[in-house]
Amino acid sequence: MKTLPASQQEAQLWLANAKETLNVEATAILRLSERLDNHFLDALELLDSCAGKVIATGVGKSGIVARKMAATLTSTGCPTVFLHPSEAMHGDLGIVAEEDVVIALSNSGESEEILAILPALLARKVPIIAIVGNLHSTLAHRSTVLLDSSIEREACPLNLAPTTSVLVQLALGDALAMTLHHRRGFRAEDYARNHPGGRLGRRLTLRVRDILATHAPPLPCVSPNATLMEVLSEISAKCAGATTVAEPNMPMLGIITDYDTRRAFQLHGAKAVELFARDMMNPHPKVVLREEELAYEGLRRMEEGERPVSVAPVLDSNGFCIGMVRLHDFLRAGI
């Protein structure tokens, strides 16, 4: 067997250590999925029937997981807040009402800060979903629903640093959130209302009409009897790269793009100047957008195929053309 240089041997050792960490944590997740039972369904029922809000609490690494769980549940339609147990003892318990549900996370189930607020929570008759690694702990015994987050060992070589236990808590929280998501029929439109910012929010909320109102050029339009020079003048004046063809106050008959004018010269030579708009127009554009259509869907349709469409007409609910949008209008909008 060929001996690797010392540095390469060390590199292989570090890779082996990293793989071992991932294997330990992956195994813990798989074992968690295998032991899900009716207790999970009971917790799901409590969350779905909650008339108030969900309150997630924990300290240390469990507190970080509780914050993430609160954020995930909230963004997917289940209003959840994080309550720090230490702050709860100094007035923040006022946030807890009888119609609420509490999710308490503690690997040991004996976290002093959590146990300190238990009497107050129980006095309010608030259901408690406990996510604990020690099924014989105080928190486990005093909870309404117990979810088992126990592990065989941490990924830490000393079996001390919270690693695998934190990941299992996190995965269990995601399982609750995503199952509740399915149970409530949470839709992309619902998700969009909670995520209006950033590219994701824009893709889920912006409509073609919004692009038309803020980024698109004025509507270019010529009559069917317009000459080639009038067509070229309209295309240049409106900077859309195309023009619609329509009679006044009538539905669109077709469009003429820069490519259509060049093709007219290729087919007819100098006689192209004798053509009218009705002779050059495309009565069936490849892409026609609707003003109510999601801008992201409109962009996707324009980019489909081997030859993307650079400009597309936009129709209102009555079928009248109200504008034209270009590919770079979507890019300027951050789609």
C-alpha atoms as a PDB file:
ATOM      1  CA  MET A   1       0.000   0.000   0.000  1.00  0.00           C
ATOM      2  CA  LYS A   2       1.352   3.391  -1.028  1.00  0.00           C
ATOM      3  CA  THR A   3       2.039   5.672   1.940  1.00  0.00           C
ATOM      4  CA  LEU A   4       0.701   9.189   1.591  1.00  0.00           C
ATOM      5  CA  PRO A   5       2.859  12.141   2.584  1.00  0.00           C
ATOM      6  CA  ALA A   6       2.114  13.400   6.093  1.00  0.00           C
ATOM      7  CA  SER A   7       0.071  16.355   4.863  1.00  0.00           C
ATOM      8  CA  GLN A   8      -2.063  14.118   2.662  1.00  0.00           C
ATOM      9  CA  GLN A   9      -2.526  11.645   5.480  1.00  0.00           C
ATOM     10  CA  GLU A  10      -3.780  14.481   7.669  1.00  0.00           C
ATOM     11  CA  ALA A  11      -6.116  15.636   4.912  1.00  0.00           C
ATOM     12  CA  GLN A  12      -7.620  12.158   4.655  1.00  0.00           C
ATOM     13  CA  LEU A  13      -8.023  12.061   8.433  1.00  0.00           C
ATOM     14  CA  TRP A  14      -9.916  15.350   8.462  1.00  0.00           C
ATOM     15  CA  LEU A  15     -12.173  14.177   5.651  1.00  0.00           C
ATOM     16  CA  ALA A  16     -12.857  10.958   7.556  1.00  0.00           C
ATOM     17  CA  ASN A  17     -13.749  12.976  10.664  1.00  0.00           C
ATOM     18  CA  ALA A  18     -16.112  15.180   8.667  1.00  0.00           C
ATOM     19  CA  LYS A  19     -17.816  12.175   7.076  1.00  0.00           C
ATOM     20  CA  GLU A  20     -18.215  10.549  10.475  1.00  0.00           C
ATOM     21  CA  THR A  21     -19.957  13.678  11.781  1.00  0.00           C
ATOM     22  CA  LEU A  22     -22.376  13.654   8.873  1.00  0.00           C
ATOM     23  CA  ASN A  23     -23.017   9.938   9.196  1.00  0.00           C
ATOM     24  CA  VAL A  24     -23.756  10.203  12.919  1.00  0.00           C
ATOM     25  CA  GLU A  25     -26.192  13.049  12.363  1.00  0.00           C
ATOM     26  CA  ALA A  26     -27.844  11.455   9.309  1.00  0.00           C
ATOM     27  CA  THR A  27     -28.365   8.228  11.261  1.00  0.00           C
ATOM     28  CA  ALA A  28     -29.977  10.155  14.111  1.00  0.00           C
ATOM     29  CA  ILE A  29     -32.431  11.808  11.701  1.00  0.00           C
ATOM     30  CA  LEU A  30     -33.376   8.461  10.167  1.00  0.00           C
ATOM     31  CA  ARG A  31     -33.980   6.943  13.598  1.00  0.00           C
ATOM     32  CA  LEU A  32     -36.097   9.948  14.520  1.00  0.00           C
ATOM     33  CA  SER A  33     -38.334   9.352  11.502  1.00  0.00           C
ATOM     34  CA  GLU A  34     -38.713   5.683  12.401  1.00  0.00           C
ATOM     35  CA  ARG A  35     -40.070   6.421  15.871  1.00  0.00           C
ATOM     36  CA  LEU A  36     -42.620   9.089  14.948  1.00  0.00           C
ATOM     37  CA  ASP A  37     -45.981   7.950  16.304  1.00  0.00           C
ATOM     38  CA  ASN A  38     -49.338   9.199  17.549  1.00  0.00           C
ATOM     39  CA  HIS A  39     -47.608  11.648  19.889  1.00  0.00           C
ATOM     40  CA  PHE A  40     -46.536  13.568  16.781  1.00  0.00           C
ATOM     41  CA  LEU A  41     -50.140  13.561  15.555  1.00  0.00           C
ATOM     42  CA  ASP A  42     -51.294  14.833  18.956  1.00  0.00           C
ATOM     43  CA  ALA A  43     -48.813  17.706  18.738  1.00  0.00           C
ATOM     44  CA  LEU A  44     -49.986  18.453  15.213  1.00  0.00           C
ATOM     45  CA  GLU A  45     -53.596  18.568  16.392  1.00  0.00           C
ATOM     46  CA  LEU A  46     -52.718  21.017  19.174  1.00  0.00           C
ATOM     47  CA  LEU A  47     -50.970  23.333  16.729  1.00  0.00           C
ATOM     48  CA  ASP A  48     -53.708  23.164  14.111  1.00  0.00           C
ATOM     49  CA  SER A  49     -56.504  23.815  16.611  1.00  0.00           C
ATOM     50  CA  CYS A  50     -54.654  26.577  18.459  1.00  0.00           C
ATOM     51  CA  ALA A  51     -57.015  29.536  18.807  1.00  0.00           C
ATOM     52  CA  GLY A  52     -54.245  31.900  19.866  1.00  0.00           C
ATOM     53  CA  LYS A  53     -50.568  31.841  19.024  1.00  0.00           C
ATOM     54  CA  VAL A  54     -47.800  29.302  19.360  1.00  0.00           C
ATOM     55  CA  ILE A  55     -44.955  30.127  21.762  1.00  0.00           C
ATOM     56  CA  ALA A  56     -41.575  28.428  21.331  1.00  0.00           C
ATOM     57  CA  THR A  57     -39.133  28.507  24.232  1.00  0.00           C
ATOM     58  CA  GLY A  58     -35.730  27.119  25.134  1.00  0.00           C
ATOM     59  CA  VAL A  59     -32.286  28.166  26.367  1.00  0.00           C
ATOM     60  CA  GLY A  60     -28.811  27.792  24.922  1.00  0.00           C
ATOM     61  CA  LYS A  61     -28.694  25.799  21.689  1.00  0.00           C
ATOM     62  CA  SER A  62     -32.292  24.730  22.250  1.00  0.00           C
ATOM     63  CA  GLY A  63     -33.209  28.410  22.385  1.00  0.00           C
ATOM     64  CA  ILE A  64     -31.614  28.946  18.977  1.00  0.00           C
ATOM     65  CA  VAL A  65     -33.633  26.050  17.588  1.00  0.00           C
ATOM     66  CA  ALA A  66     -36.788  27.485  19.186  1.00  0.00           C
ATOM     67  CA  ARG A  67     -36.177  30.805  17.434  1.00  0.00           C
ATOM     68  CA  LYS A  68     -35.751  29.054  14.088  1.00  0.00           C
ATOM     69  CA  MET A  69     -38.861  26.968  14.700  1.00  0.00           C
ATOM     70  CA  ALA A  70     -40.847  30.112  15.459  1.00  0.00           C
ATOM     71  CA  ALA A  71     -39.619  31.726  12.239  1.00  0.00           C
ATOM     72  CA  THR A  72     -40.474  28.673  10.107  1.00  0.00           C
ATOM     73  CA  LEU A  73     -43.940  28.204  11.596  1.00  0.00           C
ATOM     74  CA  THR A  74     -44.743  31.895  11.246  1.00  0.00           C
ATOM     75  CA  SER A  75     -43.643  32.102   7.613  1.00  0.00           C
ATOM     76  CA  THR A  76     -45.795  29.100   6.724  1.00  0.00           C
ATOM     77  CA  GLY A  77     -49.019  30.340   8.249  1.00  0.00           C
ATOM     78  CA  CYS A  78     -48.827  29.479  11.966  1.00  0.00           C
ATOM     79  CA  PRO A  79     -48.112  32.663  13.994  1.00  0.00           C
ATOM     80  CA  THR A  80     -45.383  31.774  16.494  1.00  0.00           C
ATOM     81  CA  VAL A  81     -43.239  33.859  18.828  1.00  0.00           C
ATOM     82  CA  PHE A  82     -40.081  33.033  20.736  1.00  0.00           C
ATOM     83  CA  LEU A  83     -40.139  33.488  24.515  1.00  0.00           C
ATOM     84  CA  HIS A  84     -36.853  33.483  26.384  1.00  0.00           C
ATOM     85  CA  PRO A  85     -37.511  31.661  29.672  1.00  0.00           C
ATOM     86  CA  SER A  86     -35.253  33.968  31.686  1.00  0.00           C
ATOM     87  CA  GLU A  87     -37.031  37.067  30.394  1.00  0.00           C
ATOM     88  CA  ALA A  88     -40.335  35.292  31.007  1.00  0.00           C
ATOM     89  CA  MET A  89     -39.556  35.277  34.725  1.00  0.00           C
ATOM     90  CA  HIS A  90     -39.234  39.060  34.647  1.00  0.00           C
ATOM     91  CA  GLY A  91     -42.484  40.059  32.998  1.00  0.00           C
ATOM     92  CA  ASP A  92     -42.513  38.486  29.550  1.00  0.00           C
ATOM     93  CA  LEU A  93     -44.841  35.733  30.768  1.00  0.00           C
ATOM     94  CA  GLY A  94     -47.546  38.282  30.107  1.00  0.00           C
ATOM     95  CA  ILE A  95     -47.391  37.264  26.466  1.00  0.00           C
ATOM     96  CA  VAL A  96     -48.832  33.839  27.306  1.00  0.00           C
ATOM     97  CA  ALA A  97     -52.611  33.465  27.138  1.00  0.00           C
ATOM     98  CA  GLU A  98     -54.868  30.471  27.817  1.00  0.00           C
ATOM     99  CA  GLU A  99     -55.670  29.977  24.124  1.00  0.00           C
ATOM    100  CA  ASP A 100     -51.971  29.632  23.251  1.00  0.00           C
ATOM    101  CA  VAL A 101     -49.834  26.516  22.781  1.00  0.00           C
ATOM    102  CA  VAL A 102     -46.257  26.295  24.067  1.00  0.00           C
ATOM    103  CA  ILE A 103     -43.449  24.305  22.461  1.00  0.00           C
ATOM    104  CA  ALA A 104     -40.681  23.795  25.021  1.00  0.00           C
ATOM    105  CA  LEU A 105     -37.298  22.477  23.906  1.00  0.00           C
ATOM    106  CA  SER A 106     -34.695  20.986  26.226  1.00  0.00           C
ATOM    107  CA  ASN A 107     -32.394  18.091  25.476  1.00  0.00           C
ATOM    108  CA  SER A 108     -32.016  17.200  29.142  1.00  0.00           C
ATOM    109  CA  GLY A 109     -35.568  18.122  30.081  1.00  0.00           C
ATOM    110  CA  GLU A 110     -34.132  19.620  33.255  1.00  0.00           C
ATOM    111  CA  SER A 111     -33.085  23.110  32.122  1.00  0.00           C
ATOM    112  CA  GLU A 112     -33.509  25.303  35.184  1.00  0.00           C
ATOM    113  CA  GLU A 113     -34.900  28.228  33.234  1.00  0.00           C
ATOM    114  CA  ILE A 114     -37.567  26.061  31.592  1.00  0.00           C
ATOM    115  CA  LEU A 115     -38.537  24.373  34.844  1.00  0.00           C
ATOM    116  CA  ALA A 116     -38.835  27.782  36.506  1.00  0.00           C
ATOM    117  CA  ILE A 117     -41.636  28.882  34.170  1.00  0.00           C
ATOM    118  CA  LEU A 118     -43.467  25.545  34.163  1.00  0.00           C
ATOM    119  CA  PRO A 119     -45.708  26.389  37.175  1.00  0.00           C
ATOM    120  CA  ALA A 120     -46.825  29.626  35.538  1.00  0.00           C
ATOM    121  CA  LEU A 121     -47.584  27.868  32.251  1.00  0.00           C
ATOM    122  CA  LEU A 122     -49.491  25.096  33.984  1.00  0.00           C
ATOM    123  CA  ALA A 123     -51.438  27.660  36.035  1.00  0.00           C
ATOM    124  CA  ARG A 124     -52.596  29.219  32.761  1.00  0.00           C
ATOM    125  CA  LYS A 125     -53.657  25.728  31.586  1.00  0.00           C
ATOM    126  CA  VAL A 126     -51.609  26.176  28.434  1.00  0.00           C
ATOM    127  CA  PRO A 127     -50.929  22.940  26.500  1.00  0.00           C
ATOM    128  CA  ILE A 128     -47.197  22.187  26.398  1.00  0.00           C
ATOM    129  CA  ILE A 129     -45.530  20.284  23.597  1.00  0.00           C
ATOM    130  CA  ALA A 130     -42.181  19.151  24.984  1.00  0.00           C
ATOM    131  CA  ILE A 131     -39.322  18.240  22.660  1.00  0.00           C
ATOM    132  CA  VAL A 132     -36.853  16.485  24.935  1.00  0.00           C
ATOM    133  CA  GLY A 133     -34.054  13.955  24.754  1.00  0.00           C
ATOM    134  CA  ASN A 134     -34.625  12.595  28.281  1.00  0.00           C
ATOM    135  CA  LEU A 135     -38.011  10.865  28.426  1.00  0.00           C
ATOM    136  CA  HIS A 136     -37.820  10.531  32.211  1.00  0.00           C
ATOM    137  CA  SER A 137     -37.166  14.221  32.866  1.00  0.00           C
ATOM    138  CA  THR A 138     -39.333  16.713  34.718  1.00  0.00           C
ATOM    139  CA  LEU A 139     -40.318  18.513  31.530  1.00  0.00           C
ATOM    140  CA  ALA A 140     -41.258  15.220  29.880  1.00  0.00           C
ATOM    141  CA  HIS A 141     -43.524  14.219  32.778  1.00  0.00           C
ATOM    142  CA  ARG A 142     -45.277  17.592  33.025  1.00  0.00           C
ATOM    143  CA  SER A 143     -45.907  18.145  29.325  1.00  0.00           C
ATOM    144  CA  THR A 144     -49.216  17.698  27.496  1.00  0.00           C
ATOM    145  CA  VAL A 145     -47.564  16.020  24.520  1.00  0.00           C
ATOM    146  CA  LEU A 146     -44.089  14.504  24.587  1.00  0.00           C
ATOM    147  CA  LEU A 147     -41.935  14.333  21.441  1.00  0.00           C
ATOM    148  CA  ASP A 148     -38.849  12.168  21.708  1.00  0.00           C
ATOM    149  CA  SER A 149     -35.673  13.881  20.414  1.00  0.00           C
ATOM    150  CA  SER A 150     -33.266  11.476  22.093  1.00  0.00           C
ATOM    151  CA  ILE A 151     -30.035  10.442  20.375  1.00  0.00           C
ATOM    152  CA  GLU A 152     -27.429   7.728  20.857  1.00  0.00           C
ATOM    153  CA  ARG A 153     -24.530  10.180  20.917  1.00  0.00           C
ATOM    154  CA  GLU A 154     -23.453  13.630  19.863  1.00  0.00           C
ATOM    155  CA  ALA A 155     -21.292  14.044  16.782  1.00  0.00           C
ATOM    156  CA  CYS A 156     -18.758  15.725  19.060  1.00  0.00           C
ATOM    157  CA  PRO A 157     -15.765  13.348  19.558  1.00  0.00           C
ATOM    158  CA  LEU A 158     -16.070  13.939  23.319  1.00  0.00           C
ATOM    159  CA  ASN A 159     -19.848  13.422  23.179  1.00  0.00           C
ATOM    160  CA  LEU A 160     -20.244  16.814  24.870  1.00  0.00           C
ATOM    161  CA  ALA A 161     -20.921  19.677  22.430  1.00  0.00           C
ATOM    162  CA  PRO A 162     -24.607  19.837  21.411  1.00  0.00           C
ATOM    163  CA  THR A 163     -24.516  18.797  17.752  1.00  0.00           C
ATOM    164  CA  THR A 164     -26.648  15.806  16.848  1.00  0.00           C
ATOM    165  CA  SER A 165     -29.177  16.660  19.557  1.00  0.00           C
ATOM    166  CA  VAL A 166     -29.629  20.157  18.134  1.00  0.00           C
ATOM    167  CA  LEU A 167     -30.049  18.828  14.599  1.00  0.00           C
ATOM    168  CA  VAL A 168     -32.710  16.347  15.724  1.00  0.00           C
ATOM    169  CA  GLN A 169     -34.656  19.119  17.475  1.00  0.00           C
ATOM    170  CA  LEU A 170     -34.399  21.233  14.353  1.00  0.00           C
ATOM    171  CA  ALA A 171     -35.581  18.393  12.105  1.00  0.00           C
ATOM    172  CA  LEU A 172     -38.503  17.617  14.400  1.00  0.00           C
ATOM    173  CA  GLY A 173     -39.545  21.274  14.299  1.00  0.00           C
ATOM    174  CA  ASP A 174     -39.376  21.271  10.506  1.00  0.00           C
ATOM    175  CA  ALA A 175     -41.438  18.078  10.383  1.00  0.00           C
ATOM    176  CA  LEU A 176     -44.136  19.748  12.492  1.00  0.00           C
ATOM    177  CA  ALA A 177     -44.106  22.920  10.402  1.00  0.00           C
ATOM    178  CA  MET A 178     -44.188  21.178   7.031  1.00  0.00           C
ATOM    179  CA  THR A 179     -46.871  18.674   8.053  1.00  0.00           C
ATOM    180  CA  LEU A 180     -48.991  21.531   9.385  1.00  0.00           C
ATOM    181  CA  HIS A 181     -48.288  23.332   6.098  1.00  0.00           C
ATOM    182  CA  HIS A 182     -49.778  20.386   4.152  1.00  0.00           C
ATOM    183  CA  ARG A 183     -52.651  19.888   6.554  1.00  0.00           C
ATOM    184  CA  ARG A 184     -53.800  23.491   6.213  1.00  0.00           C
ATOM    185  CA  GLY A 185     -53.398  23.544   2.439  1.00  0.00           C
ATOM    186  CA  PHE A 186     -50.950  26.448   2.599  1.00  0.00           C
ATOM    187  CA  ARG A 187     -50.484  27.774  -0.968  1.00  0.00           C
ATOM    188  CA  ALA A 188     -47.790  29.685  -2.790  1.00  0.00           C
ATOM    189  CA  GLU A 189     -50.083  32.734  -2.681  1.00  0.00           C
ATOM    190  CA  ASP A 190     -50.274  32.463   1.112  1.00  0.00           C
ATOM    191  CA  TYR A 191     -46.507  32.125   1.333  1.00  0.00           C
ATOM    192  CA  ALA A 192     -46.104  35.212  -0.865  1.00  0.00           C
ATOM    193  CA  ARG A 193     -48.123  37.371   1.517  1.00  0.00           C
ATOM    194  CA  ASN A 194     -45.584  36.620   4.246  1.00  0.00           C
ATOM    195  CA  HIS A 195     -42.523  37.090   2.004  1.00  0.00           C
ATOM    196  CA  PRO A 196     -42.970  40.358   0.084  1.00  0.00           C
ATOM    197  CA  GLY A 197     -39.284  41.277   0.168  1.00  0.00           C
ATOM    198  CA  GLY A 198     -36.343  40.082  -1.896  1.00  0.00           C
ATOM    199  CA  ARG A 199     -36.315  38.211  -5.185  1.00  0.00           C
ATOM    200  CA  LEU A 200     -38.461  35.404  -3.791  1.00  0.00           C
ATOM    201  CA  GLY A 201     -41.124  37.855  -2.688  1.00  0.00           C
ATOM    202  CA  ARG A 202     -41.115  39.660  -6.014  1.00  0.00           C
ATOM    203  CA  ARG A 203     -41.470  36.405  -7.929  1.00  0.00           C
ATOM    204  CA  LEU A 204     -44.474  35.438  -5.830  1.00  0.00           C
ATOM    205  CA  THR A 205     -46.234  38.808  -5.762  1.00  0.00           C
ATOM    206  CA  LEU A 206     -45.390  41.007  -8.754  1.00  0.00           C
ATOM    207  CA  ARG A 207     -47.847  40.869 -11.639  1.00  0.00           C
ATOM    208  CA  VAL A 208     -47.231  41.718 -15.268  1.00  0.00           C
ATOM    209  CA  ARG A 209     -49.308  44.869 -14.741  1.00  0.00           C
ATOM    210  CA  ASP A 210     -46.766  45.999 -12.120  1.00  0.00           C
ATOM    211  CA  ILE A 211     -43.916  45.608 -14.611  1.00  0.00           C
ATOM    212  CA  LEU A 212     -45.988  47.461 -17.172  1.00  0.00           C
ATOM    213  CA  ALA A 213     -46.670  50.340 -14.791  1.00  0.00           C
ATOM    214  CA  THR A 214     -43.116  50.853 -13.538  1.00  0.00           C
ATOM    215  CA  HIS A 215     -40.644  49.708 -16.184  1.00  0.00           C
ATOM    216  CA  ALA A 216     -42.245  49.207 -19.608  1.00  0.00           C
ATOM    217  CA  PRO A 217     -42.221  51.852 -22.379  1.00  0.00           C
ATOM    218  CA  PRO A 218     -45.387  53.591 -23.649  1.00  0.00           C
ATOM    219  CA  LEU A 219     -47.568  51.383 -25.829  1.00  0.00           C
ATOM    220  CA  PRO A 220     -46.388  51.459 -29.453  1.00  0.00           C
ATOM    221  CA  CYS A 221     -49.234  51.059 -31.940  1.00  0.00           C
ATOM    222  CA  VAL A 222     -49.798  51.602 -35.665  1.00  0.00           C
ATOM    223  CA  SER A 223     -52.818  51.126 -37.884  1.00  0.00           C
ATOM    224  CA  PRO A 224     -52.981  48.193 -40.329  1.00  0.00           C
ATOM    225  CA  ASN A 225     -52.471  50.703 -43.159  1.00  0.00           C
ATOM    226  CA  ALA A 226     -49.284  52.212 -41.719  1.00  0.00           C
ATOM    227  CA  THR A 227     -46.311  52.259 -44.078  1.00  0.00           C
ATOM    228  CA  LEU A 228     -42.990  50.622 -43.348  1.00  0.00           C
ATOM    229  CA  MET A 229     -41.464  54.002 -42.516  1.00  0.00           C
ATOM    230  CA  GLU A 230     -44.297  54.722 -40.076  1.00  0.00           C
ATOM    231  CA  VAL A 231     -43.762  51.321 -38.476  1.00  0.00           C
ATOM    232  CA  LEU A 232     -40.014  51.941 -38.102  1.00  0.00           C
ATOM    233  CA  SER A 233     -40.677  55.411 -36.694  1.00  0.00           C
ATOM    234  CA  GLU A 234     -43.084  54.058 -34.056  1.00  0.00           C
ATOM    235  CA  ILE A 235     -40.696  51.281 -33.032  1.00  0.00           C
ATOM    236  CA  SER A 236     -37.849  53.776 -32.654  1.00  0.00           C
ATOM    237  CA  ALA A 237     -39.930  56.390 -30.838  1.00  0.00           C
ATOM    238  CA  LYS A 238     -41.295  53.999 -28.173  1.00  0.00           C
ATOM    239  CA  CYS A 239     -38.035  52.013 -27.724  1.00  0.00           C
ATOM    240  CA  ALA A 240     -39.890  48.741 -27.347  1.00  0.00           C
ATOM    241  CA  GLY A 241     -38.239  46.826 -30.171  1.00  0.00           C
ATOM    242  CA  ALA A 242     -41.705  46.184 -31.634  1.00  0.00           C
ATOM    243  CA  THR A 243     -45.094  47.718 -32.221  1.00  0.00           C
ATOM    244  CA  THR A 244     -48.650  46.481 -32.028  1.00  0.00           C
ATOM    245  CA  VAL A 245     -51.045  46.752 -34.947  1.00  0.00           C
ATOM    246  CA  ALA A 246     -54.647  47.746 -34.229  1.00  0.00           C
ATOM    247  CA  GLU A 247     -57.517  49.977 -35.295  1.00  0.00           C
ATOM    248  CA  PRO A 248     -58.447  52.721 -32.777  1.00  0.00           C
ATOM    249  CA  ASN A 249     -60.274  51.290 -29.751  1.00  0.00           C
ATOM    250  CA  MET A 250     -60.183  47.794 -31.208  1.00  0.00           C
ATOM    251  CA  PRO A 251     -58.430  44.566 -30.154  1.00  0.00           C
ATOM    252  CA  MET A 252     -54.867  43.985 -31.300  1.00  0.00           C
ATOM    253  CA  LEU A 253     -54.511  42.482 -34.777  1.00  0.00           C
ATOM    254  CA  GLY A 254     -50.849  41.514 -34.442  1.00  0.00           C
ATOM    255  CA  ILE A 255     -47.355  42.797 -33.733  1.00  0.00           C
ATOM    256  CA  ILE A 256     -44.355  43.791 -35.793  1.00  0.00           C
ATOM    257  CA  THR A 257     -40.879  43.351 -34.336  1.00  0.00           C
ATOM    258  CA  ASP A 258     -37.491  44.611 -35.507  1.00  0.00           C
ATOM    259  CA  TYR A 259     -36.943  41.121 -36.898  1.00  0.00           C
ATOM    260  CA  ASP A 260     -40.168  41.352 -38.959  1.00  0.00           C
ATOM    261  CA  THR A 261     -38.981  44.569 -40.632  1.00  0.00           C
ATOM    262  CA  ARG A 262     -35.601  43.063 -41.499  1.00  0.00           C
ATOM    263  CA  ARG A 263     -37.329  39.966 -42.843  1.00  0.00           C
ATOM    264  CA  ALA A 264     -39.511  42.180 -45.035  1.00  0.00           C
ATOM    265  CA  PHE A 265     -36.369  43.558 -46.704  1.00  0.00           C
ATOM    266  CA  GLN A 266     -34.935  40.055 -47.067  1.00  0.00           C
ATOM    267  CA  LEU A 267     -38.093  38.821 -48.803  1.00  0.00           C
ATOM    268  CA  HIS A 268     -39.017  41.880 -50.860  1.00  0.00           C
ATOM    269  CA  GLY A 269     -35.826  43.872 -51.265  1.00  0.00           C
ATOM    270  CA  ALA A 270     -36.374  47.526 -52.161  1.00  0.00           C
ATOM    271  CA  LYS A 271     -40.098  46.887 -52.655  1.00  0.00           C
ATOM    272  CA  ALA A 272     -40.416  46.414 -48.876  1.00  0.00           C
ATOM    273  CA  VAL A 273     -41.001  50.161 -48.623  1.00  0.00           C
ATOM    274  CA  GLU A 274     -44.305  49.591 -50.432  1.00  0.00           C
ATOM    275  CA  LEU A 275     -45.585  47.217 -47.731  1.00  0.00           C
ATOM    276  CA  PHE A 276     -48.148  48.117 -45.097  1.00  0.00           C
ATOM    277  CA  ALA A 277     -48.255  47.061 -41.475  1.00  0.00           C
ATOM    278  CA  ARG A 278     -50.935  44.440 -42.228  1.00  0.00           C
ATOM    279  CA  ASP A 279     -48.496  42.795 -44.680  1.00  0.00           C
ATOM    280  CA  MET A 280     -45.653  42.511 -42.149  1.00  0.00           C
ATOM    281  CA  MET A 281     -47.409  41.848 -38.870  1.00  0.00           C
ATOM    282  CA  ASN A 282     -47.468  38.559 -37.036  1.00  0.00           C
ATOM    283  CA  PRO A 283     -51.145  37.926 -36.163  1.00  0.00           C
ATOM    284  CA  HIS A 284     -50.231  35.138 -33.761  1.00  0.00           C
ATOM    285  CA  PRO A 285     -47.353  36.256 -31.508  1.00  0.00           C
ATOM    286  CA  LYS A 286     -45.504  33.406 -29.806  1.00  0.00           C
ATOM    287  CA  VAL A 287     -46.095  34.928 -26.357  1.00  0.00           C
ATOM    288  CA  VAL A 288     -49.031  37.081 -25.294  1.00  0.00           C
ATOM    289  CA  LEU A 289     -49.139  38.034 -21.605  1.00  0.00           C
ATOM    290  CA  ARG A 290     -52.104  38.845 -19.394  1.00  0.00           C
ATOM    291  CA  GLU A 291     -51.912  41.774 -17.000  1.00  0.00           C
ATOM    292  CA  GLU A 292     -52.983  39.606 -14.015  1.00  0.00           C
ATOM    293  CA  GLU A 293     -50.322  36.979 -14.753  1.00  0.00           C
ATOM    294  CA  LEU A 294     -47.449  36.625 -12.309  1.00  0.00           C
ATOM    295  CA  ALA A 295     -44.462  38.483 -13.704  1.00  0.00           C
ATOM    296  CA  TYR A 296     -42.199  35.500 -13.035  1.00  0.00           C
ATOM    297  CA  GLU A 297     -44.473  33.231 -15.084  1.00  0.00           C
ATOM    298  CA  GLY A 298     -44.479  35.782 -17.882  1.00  0.00           C
ATOM    299  CA  LEU A 299     -40.694  35.947 -17.843  1.00  0.00           C
ATOM    300  CA  ARG A 300     -40.466  32.153 -17.876  1.00  0.00           C
ATOM    301  CA  ARG A 301     -42.738  31.929 -20.927  1.00  0.00           C
ATOM    302  CA  MET A 302     -40.745  34.565 -22.780  1.00  0.00           C
ATOM    303  CA  GLU A 303     -37.510  32.661 -22.118  1.00  0.00           C
ATOM    304  CA  GLU A 304     -38.827  29.268 -23.207  1.00  0.00           C
ATOM    305  CA  GLY A 305     -37.519  27.567 -26.319  1.00  0.00           C
ATOM    306  CA  GLU A 306     -34.351  27.926 -28.332  1.00  0.00           C
ATOM    307  CA  ARG A 307     -35.170  31.533 -29.295  1.00  0.00           C
ATOM    308  CA  PRO A 308     -36.389  33.604 -26.337  1.00  0.00           C
ATOM    309  CA  VAL A 309     -38.928  36.314 -27.059  1.00  0.00           C
ATOM    310  CA  SER A 310     -37.462  39.737 -26.347  1.00  0.00           C
ATOM    311  CA  VAL A 311     -40.766  41.632 -26.229  1.00  0.00           C
ATOM    312  CA  ALA A 312     -44.401  40.580 -25.670  1.00  0.00           C
ATOM    313  CA  PRO A 313     -47.772  42.347 -25.780  1.00  0.00           C
ATOM    314  CA  VAL A 314     -49.902  42.546 -22.635  1.00  0.00           C
ATOM    315  CA  LEU A 315     -53.677  42.163 -22.771  1.00  0.00           C
ATOM    316  CA  ASP A 316     -56.226  43.292 -20.192  1.00  0.00           C
ATOM    317  CA  SER A 317     -59.200  41.220 -19.022  1.00  0.00           C
ATOM    318  CA  ASN A 318     -61.202  42.336 -22.082  1.00  0.00           C
ATOM    319  CA  GLY A 319     -58.532  41.238 -24.537  1.00  0.00           C
ATOM    320  CA  PHE A 320     -57.328  44.736 -25.419  1.00  0.00           C
ATOM    321  CA  CYS A 321     -53.592  45.379 -25.635  1.00  0.00           C
ATOM    322  CA  ILE A 322     -52.528  47.790 -22.910  1.00  0.00           C
ATOM    323  CA  GLY A 323     -48.761  47.688 -23.326  1.00  0.00           C
ATOM    324  CA  MET A 324     -45.631  45.776 -24.230  1.00  0.00           C
ATOM    325  CA  VAL A 325     -42.956  44.437 -21.909  1.00  0.00           C
ATOM    326  CA  ARG A 326     -39.357  43.570 -22.713  1.00  0.00           C
ATOM    327  CA  LEU A 327     -37.129  40.941 -21.165  1.00  0.00           C
ATOM    328  CA  HIS A 328     -34.949  43.574 -19.565  1.00  0.00           C
ATOM    329  CA  ASP A 329     -38.022  45.171 -17.961  1.00  0.00           C
ATOM    330  CA  PHE A 330     -38.292  42.029 -15.829  1.00  0.00           C
ATOM    331  CA  LEU A 331     -34.594  42.185 -15.000  1.00  0.00           C
ATOM    332  CA  ARG A 332     -34.896  45.827 -13.960  1.00  0.00           C
ATOM    333  CA  ALA A 333     -37.743  44.811 -11.634  1.00  0.00           C
ATOM    334  CA  GLY A 334     -35.459  42.257  -9.961  1.00  0.00           C
ATOM    335  CA  ILE A 335     -37.391  39.175 -11.070  1.00  0.00           C
END
